[in-house]
Each structure stands twice: as structure tokens, then as C-alpha cells.
Amino acid sequence: MDSIAWMAWTLPTAIFFVVLACMLGVMTWLAAAYPEAERVGVLRIPTTRGDRLFISLILAAVIHLAWICLVGTDTIATLPIGEDGIEVSGLWLATVISLASAFAIFRTV
């Protein structure tokens, strides 16, 4: 267990992995229920749902790493929940940007 002690197992990390597992489950169901022909978008190469998911996940990783490098993960707000409140990291803004880019990728690529 000491070999993974450095990993940040936090609520946002757990949410990320749960959402990722749900997305893969939905994508698998969609592939079986509604087979899709390849589509040519702005990249001018044929892509499938899986290709677009992969592109959006890689872009989300790049956005988050760039955000951490350029902006950091400082607290931007504290929600008045509980005794001490819940601190909201600026990294959630990078998550919103990643979701918007994933939406754009699935619509245009």
C-alpha cells in the first residue's frame, strides 16, 4: 500500500473514475445498441465514438496539467457546508473547460 501513498485519492479523483467507468459503460452499450458508421468532422479523418472519447480524454488531461502548471490548485471558494465548510479548488474550472471541450469534440470531430 505504501507504493501508492503519493496518489491523491480525494473526492474529485473518485468522481473522475466513477464518471470514466460510467462513460465507458454507456459507450459500450451505445456501440452494441446503435452501431455507428465512421464520421468525418473538422479533423478530416474518419472517427468513431471511441475515437472521439479518446481524443476528449487526452485533451482533458492536457487541460488539467496545463491548469496546474499555469494557475495552480489554490482554493477559490469555501462552501458553507458543515462546521469548517468545503473548499473548492480552482481545478474545478479546468474540469468545466474539459467538459465543454469534450462536448465540442463529440459534436464536431
N, C-alpha and C. Protein backbone atom coordinates (compact mmCIF):
# COMPACT_ATOMS: atom_id res chain seq x y z
N MET A 1 0.82 -1.20 0.00
CA MET A 1 0.00 0.00 0.00
C MET A 1 0.86 1.26 0.00
N ASP A 2 2.09 1.16 0.48
CA ASP A 2 2.96 2.33 0.53
C ASP A 2 3.35 2.82 -0.86
N SER A 3 3.29 1.93 -1.85
CA SER A 3 3.72 2.33 -3.19
C SER A 3 2.75 3.31 -3.83
N ILE A 4 1.50 3.37 -3.36
CA ILE A 4 0.56 4.33 -3.94
C ILE A 4 0.18 5.42 -2.95
N ALA A 5 0.94 5.56 -1.88
CA ALA A 5 0.62 6.56 -0.87
C ALA A 5 0.72 7.98 -1.42
N TRP A 6 1.49 8.18 -2.46
CA TRP A 6 1.66 9.52 -3.02
C TRP A 6 0.45 9.97 -3.82
N MET A 7 -0.41 9.05 -4.23
CA MET A 7 -1.54 9.40 -5.09
C MET A 7 -2.59 10.18 -4.29
N ALA A 8 -3.19 11.13 -4.92
CA ALA A 8 -4.18 11.99 -4.27
C ALA A 8 -5.56 11.37 -4.40
N TRP A 9 -5.89 10.45 -3.52
CA TRP A 9 -7.21 9.81 -3.55
C TRP A 9 -8.18 10.70 -2.81
N THR A 10 -8.77 11.62 -3.55
CA THR A 10 -9.70 12.59 -2.98
C THR A 10 -11.07 12.38 -3.61
N LEU A 11 -12.04 13.14 -3.14
CA LEU A 11 -13.39 13.05 -3.71
C LEU A 11 -13.39 13.37 -5.21
N PRO A 12 -12.72 14.43 -5.68
CA PRO A 12 -12.69 14.67 -7.12
C PRO A 12 -12.07 13.52 -7.91
N THR A 13 -11.04 12.87 -7.34
CA THR A 13 -10.43 11.72 -8.01
C THR A 13 -11.43 10.58 -8.11
N ALA A 14 -12.14 10.32 -7.03
CA ALA A 14 -13.14 9.26 -7.03
C ALA A 14 -14.25 9.56 -8.04
N ILE A 15 -14.71 10.80 -8.08
CA ILE A 15 -15.75 11.20 -9.03
C ILE A 15 -15.25 10.99 -10.46
N PHE A 16 -13.99 11.36 -10.72
CA PHE A 16 -13.43 11.18 -12.05
C PHE A 16 -13.49 9.72 -12.49
N PHE A 17 -13.05 8.82 -11.62
CA PHE A 17 -13.02 7.41 -12.00
C PHE A 17 -14.41 6.82 -12.13
N VAL A 18 -15.34 7.25 -11.31
CA VAL A 18 -16.73 6.78 -11.43
C VAL A 18 -17.33 7.27 -12.75
N VAL A 19 -17.12 8.53 -13.08
CA VAL A 19 -17.64 9.07 -14.33
C VAL A 19 -16.99 8.39 -15.53
N LEU A 20 -15.69 8.14 -15.45
CA LEU A 20 -14.99 7.45 -16.53
C LEU A 20 -15.56 6.04 -16.74
N ALA A 21 -15.79 5.32 -15.65
CA ALA A 21 -16.37 3.98 -15.76
C ALA A 21 -17.78 4.03 -16.34
N CYS A 22 -18.57 5.01 -15.92
CA CYS A 22 -19.92 5.17 -16.47
C CYS A 22 -19.88 5.51 -17.96
N MET A 23 -18.96 6.38 -18.35
CA MET A 23 -18.84 6.74 -19.77
C MET A 23 -18.47 5.52 -20.60
N LEU A 24 -17.54 4.72 -20.13
CA LEU A 24 -17.15 3.53 -20.87
C LEU A 24 -18.31 2.54 -20.96
N GLY A 25 -19.08 2.42 -19.88
CA GLY A 25 -20.26 1.55 -19.91
C GLY A 25 -21.29 2.03 -20.91
N VAL A 26 -21.57 3.32 -20.91
CA VAL A 26 -22.53 3.89 -21.85
C VAL A 26 -22.03 3.76 -23.28
N MET A 27 -20.73 4.00 -23.49
CA MET A 27 -20.18 3.88 -24.85
C MET A 27 -20.27 2.44 -25.34
N THR A 28 -20.05 1.47 -24.45
CA THR A 28 -20.16 0.07 -24.83
C THR A 28 -21.61 -0.27 -25.18
N TRP A 29 -22.53 0.20 -24.36
CA TRP A 29 -23.95 -0.03 -24.65
C TRP A 29 -24.36 0.62 -25.97
N LEU A 30 -23.93 1.85 -26.20
CA LEU A 30 -24.26 2.54 -27.46
C LEU A 30 -23.70 1.80 -28.66
N ALA A 31 -22.49 1.28 -28.54
CA ALA A 31 -21.89 0.55 -29.66
C ALA A 31 -22.68 -0.70 -29.99
N ALA A 32 -23.21 -1.37 -28.97
CA ALA A 32 -23.99 -2.59 -29.20
C ALA A 32 -25.41 -2.27 -29.66
N ALA A 33 -26.03 -1.27 -29.05
CA ALA A 33 -27.43 -0.95 -29.36
C ALA A 33 -27.59 -0.15 -30.64
N TYR A 34 -26.68 0.76 -30.89
CA TYR A 34 -26.77 1.66 -32.05
C TYR A 34 -25.43 1.68 -32.79
N PRO A 35 -25.15 0.67 -33.60
CA PRO A 35 -23.88 0.68 -34.34
C PRO A 35 -23.75 1.96 -35.15
N GLU A 36 -22.54 2.46 -35.22
CA GLU A 36 -22.30 3.75 -35.85
C GLU A 36 -21.32 3.62 -37.01
N ALA A 37 -21.62 4.33 -38.07
CA ALA A 37 -20.67 4.44 -39.18
C ALA A 37 -19.66 5.53 -38.83
N GLU A 38 -18.47 5.40 -39.36
CA GLU A 38 -17.46 6.43 -39.10
C GLU A 38 -17.94 7.76 -39.67
N ARG A 39 -17.51 8.84 -39.04
CA ARG A 39 -17.92 10.18 -39.41
C ARG A 39 -16.68 11.03 -39.65
N VAL A 40 -16.74 11.91 -40.63
CA VAL A 40 -15.62 12.81 -40.93
C VAL A 40 -16.01 14.21 -40.45
N GLY A 41 -15.22 14.76 -39.54
CA GLY A 41 -15.50 16.08 -38.99
C GLY A 41 -14.42 17.06 -39.37
N VAL A 42 -14.13 17.98 -38.45
CA VAL A 42 -13.17 19.04 -38.73
C VAL A 42 -11.74 18.54 -38.88
N LEU A 43 -11.43 17.36 -38.33
CA LEU A 43 -10.09 16.81 -38.49
C LEU A 43 -9.87 16.19 -39.86
N ARG A 44 -10.94 16.00 -40.60
CA ARG A 44 -10.90 15.41 -41.94
C ARG A 44 -10.38 13.98 -41.95
N ILE A 45 -10.59 13.27 -40.82
CA ILE A 45 -10.29 11.85 -40.77
C ILE A 45 -11.53 11.15 -40.22
N PRO A 46 -11.79 9.92 -40.66
CA PRO A 46 -12.96 9.21 -40.14
C PRO A 46 -12.76 8.85 -38.66
N THR A 47 -13.76 9.18 -37.83
CA THR A 47 -13.69 8.87 -36.40
C THR A 47 -14.97 8.18 -35.95
N THR A 48 -14.84 7.40 -34.88
CA THR A 48 -15.99 6.75 -34.25
C THR A 48 -16.19 7.38 -32.87
N ARG A 49 -17.23 6.92 -32.16
CA ARG A 49 -17.45 7.42 -30.80
C ARG A 49 -16.24 7.18 -29.92
N GLY A 50 -15.65 6.00 -30.04
CA GLY A 50 -14.48 5.66 -29.22
C GLY A 50 -13.30 6.58 -29.51
N ASP A 51 -13.10 6.90 -30.78
CA ASP A 51 -12.02 7.83 -31.15
C ASP A 51 -12.25 9.19 -30.52
N ARG A 52 -13.49 9.67 -30.59
CA ARG A 52 -13.80 10.98 -30.03
C ARG A 52 -13.67 10.98 -28.51
N LEU A 53 -14.04 9.86 -27.86
CA LEU A 53 -13.87 9.76 -26.41
C LEU A 53 -12.38 9.80 -26.06
N PHE A 54 -11.56 9.06 -26.79
CA PHE A 54 -10.12 9.05 -26.55
C PHE A 54 -9.53 10.45 -26.72
N ILE A 55 -9.89 11.14 -27.79
CA ILE A 55 -9.39 12.49 -28.04
C ILE A 55 -9.79 13.42 -26.90
N SER A 56 -11.05 13.33 -26.45
CA SER A 56 -11.51 14.22 -25.39
C SER A 56 -10.84 13.91 -24.05
N LEU A 57 -10.54 12.63 -23.77
CA LEU A 57 -9.84 12.29 -22.53
C LEU A 57 -8.40 12.79 -22.54
N ILE A 58 -7.74 12.66 -23.68
CA ILE A 58 -6.36 13.17 -23.79
C ILE A 58 -6.36 14.69 -23.64
N LEU A 59 -7.31 15.36 -24.28
CA LEU A 59 -7.40 16.81 -24.17
C LEU A 59 -7.71 17.23 -22.73
N ALA A 60 -8.56 16.49 -22.03
CA ALA A 60 -8.86 16.80 -20.63
C ALA A 60 -7.60 16.69 -19.78
N ALA A 61 -6.79 15.67 -20.02
CA ALA A 61 -5.54 15.51 -19.27
C ALA A 61 -4.61 16.70 -19.54
N VAL A 62 -4.49 17.10 -20.79
CA VAL A 62 -3.63 18.24 -21.15
C VAL A 62 -4.14 19.52 -20.51
N ILE A 63 -5.45 19.73 -20.55
CA ILE A 63 -6.03 20.94 -19.94
C ILE A 63 -5.75 20.97 -18.44
N HIS A 64 -5.94 19.85 -17.76
CA HIS A 64 -5.70 19.82 -16.31
C HIS A 64 -4.23 20.02 -15.97
N LEU A 65 -3.34 19.38 -16.71
CA LEU A 65 -1.91 19.56 -16.44
C LEU A 65 -1.47 21.00 -16.70
N ALA A 66 -1.96 21.59 -17.79
CA ALA A 66 -1.63 22.98 -18.08
C ALA A 66 -2.19 23.91 -17.00
N TRP A 67 -3.40 23.62 -16.54
CA TRP A 67 -4.02 24.43 -15.50
C TRP A 67 -3.19 24.38 -14.21
N ILE A 68 -2.78 23.18 -13.83
CA ILE A 68 -1.97 23.03 -12.62
C ILE A 68 -0.65 23.77 -12.77
N CYS A 69 -0.05 23.71 -13.96
CA CYS A 69 1.23 24.37 -14.20
C CYS A 69 1.09 25.89 -14.19
N LEU A 70 0.06 26.40 -14.85
CA LEU A 70 -0.08 27.85 -15.02
C LEU A 70 -0.85 28.55 -13.90
N VAL A 71 -1.89 27.89 -13.38
CA VAL A 71 -2.76 28.55 -12.40
C VAL A 71 -2.57 27.97 -11.00
N GLY A 72 -2.42 26.67 -10.92
CA GLY A 72 -2.29 26.02 -9.61
C GLY A 72 -3.62 25.45 -9.15
N THR A 73 -3.64 25.01 -7.91
CA THR A 73 -4.85 24.38 -7.37
C THR A 73 -5.34 25.08 -6.12
N ASP A 74 -5.08 26.35 -6.00
CA ASP A 74 -5.50 27.10 -4.82
C ASP A 74 -7.02 27.11 -4.70
N THR A 75 -7.47 27.30 -3.48
CA THR A 75 -8.90 27.37 -3.19
C THR A 75 -9.47 28.66 -3.74
N ILE A 76 -10.59 28.55 -4.44
CA ILE A 76 -11.23 29.76 -4.99
C ILE A 76 -12.49 30.13 -4.21
N ALA A 77 -13.02 29.17 -3.43
CA ALA A 77 -14.22 29.44 -2.64
C ALA A 77 -14.33 28.41 -1.54
N THR A 78 -15.08 28.76 -0.53
CA THR A 78 -15.39 27.82 0.54
C THR A 78 -16.90 27.77 0.68
N LEU A 79 -17.46 26.59 0.45
CA LEU A 79 -18.91 26.43 0.56
C LEU A 79 -19.30 26.28 2.02
N PRO A 80 -20.36 26.96 2.44
CA PRO A 80 -20.75 26.89 3.86
C PRO A 80 -21.50 25.58 4.17
N ILE A 81 -20.78 24.47 4.09
CA ILE A 81 -21.36 23.16 4.37
C ILE A 81 -20.56 22.53 5.50
N GLY A 82 -21.24 22.12 6.55
CA GLY A 82 -20.56 21.52 7.69
C GLY A 82 -19.95 22.57 8.59
N GLU A 83 -19.16 22.10 9.54
CA GLU A 83 -18.55 23.02 10.51
C GLU A 83 -17.49 23.91 9.88
N ASP A 84 -16.59 23.30 9.10
CA ASP A 84 -15.48 24.05 8.52
C ASP A 84 -15.74 24.51 7.10
N GLY A 85 -16.78 24.01 6.49
CA GLY A 85 -17.05 24.32 5.10
C GLY A 85 -16.26 23.41 4.17
N ILE A 86 -16.59 23.45 2.91
CA ILE A 86 -15.90 22.64 1.91
C ILE A 86 -15.16 23.59 0.97
N GLU A 87 -13.85 23.39 0.87
CA GLU A 87 -13.05 24.24 -0.01
C GLU A 87 -13.18 23.77 -1.44
N VAL A 88 -13.35 24.70 -2.36
CA VAL A 88 -13.48 24.39 -3.78
C VAL A 88 -12.20 24.82 -4.48
N SER A 89 -11.54 23.86 -5.11
CA SER A 89 -10.28 24.11 -5.79
C SER A 89 -10.54 24.79 -7.14
N GLY A 90 -9.57 25.57 -7.57
CA GLY A 90 -9.64 26.18 -8.89
C GLY A 90 -9.58 25.15 -10.01
N LEU A 91 -9.17 23.94 -9.66
CA LEU A 91 -9.09 22.87 -10.66
C LEU A 91 -10.46 22.48 -11.20
N TRP A 92 -11.52 22.79 -10.44
CA TRP A 92 -12.88 22.52 -10.94
C TRP A 92 -13.17 23.35 -12.19
N LEU A 93 -12.56 24.53 -12.31
CA LEU A 93 -12.75 25.33 -13.52
C LEU A 93 -12.13 24.63 -14.73
N ALA A 94 -11.00 23.98 -14.52
CA ALA A 94 -10.39 23.20 -15.59
C ALA A 94 -11.30 22.04 -15.99
N THR A 95 -11.98 21.47 -15.02
CA THR A 95 -12.92 20.38 -15.31
C THR A 95 -14.08 20.88 -16.16
N VAL A 96 -14.59 22.05 -15.85
CA VAL A 96 -15.68 22.64 -16.66
C VAL A 96 -15.20 22.90 -18.08
N ILE A 97 -13.99 23.41 -18.23
CA ILE A 97 -13.42 23.64 -19.56
C ILE A 97 -13.25 22.32 -20.30
N SER A 98 -12.82 21.29 -19.60
CA SER A 98 -12.66 19.96 -20.21
C SER A 98 -13.99 19.40 -20.69
N LEU A 99 -15.03 19.57 -19.88
CA LEU A 99 -16.35 19.09 -20.29
C LEU A 99 -16.86 19.84 -21.51
N ALA A 100 -16.63 21.13 -21.55
CA ALA A 100 -17.04 21.92 -22.72
C ALA A 100 -16.27 21.48 -23.96
N SER A 101 -14.97 21.21 -23.81
CA SER A 101 -14.19 20.77 -24.96
C SER A 101 -14.62 19.37 -25.41
N ALA A 102 -14.97 18.50 -24.46
CA ALA A 102 -15.46 17.16 -24.82
C ALA A 102 -16.77 17.26 -25.60
N PHE A 103 -17.65 18.16 -25.16
CA PHE A 103 -18.90 18.37 -25.89
C PHE A 103 -18.62 18.84 -27.31
N ALA A 104 -17.69 19.79 -27.46
CA ALA A 104 -17.34 20.31 -28.78
C ALA A 104 -16.73 19.20 -29.65
N ILE A 105 -15.90 18.36 -29.05
CA ILE A 105 -15.27 17.26 -29.81
C ILE A 105 -16.33 16.29 -30.31
N PHE A 106 -17.25 15.92 -29.44
CA PHE A 106 -18.27 14.95 -29.85
C PHE A 106 -19.20 15.54 -30.90
N ARG A 107 -19.35 16.85 -30.94
CA ARG A 107 -20.24 17.48 -31.93
C ARG A 107 -19.54 17.75 -33.26
N THR A 108 -18.22 18.01 -33.24
CA THR A 108 -17.58 18.50 -34.47
C THR A 108 -16.50 17.58 -35.06
N VAL A 109 -15.95 16.68 -34.27
CA VAL A 109 -14.84 15.85 -34.78
C VAL A 109 -15.40 14.58 -35.38
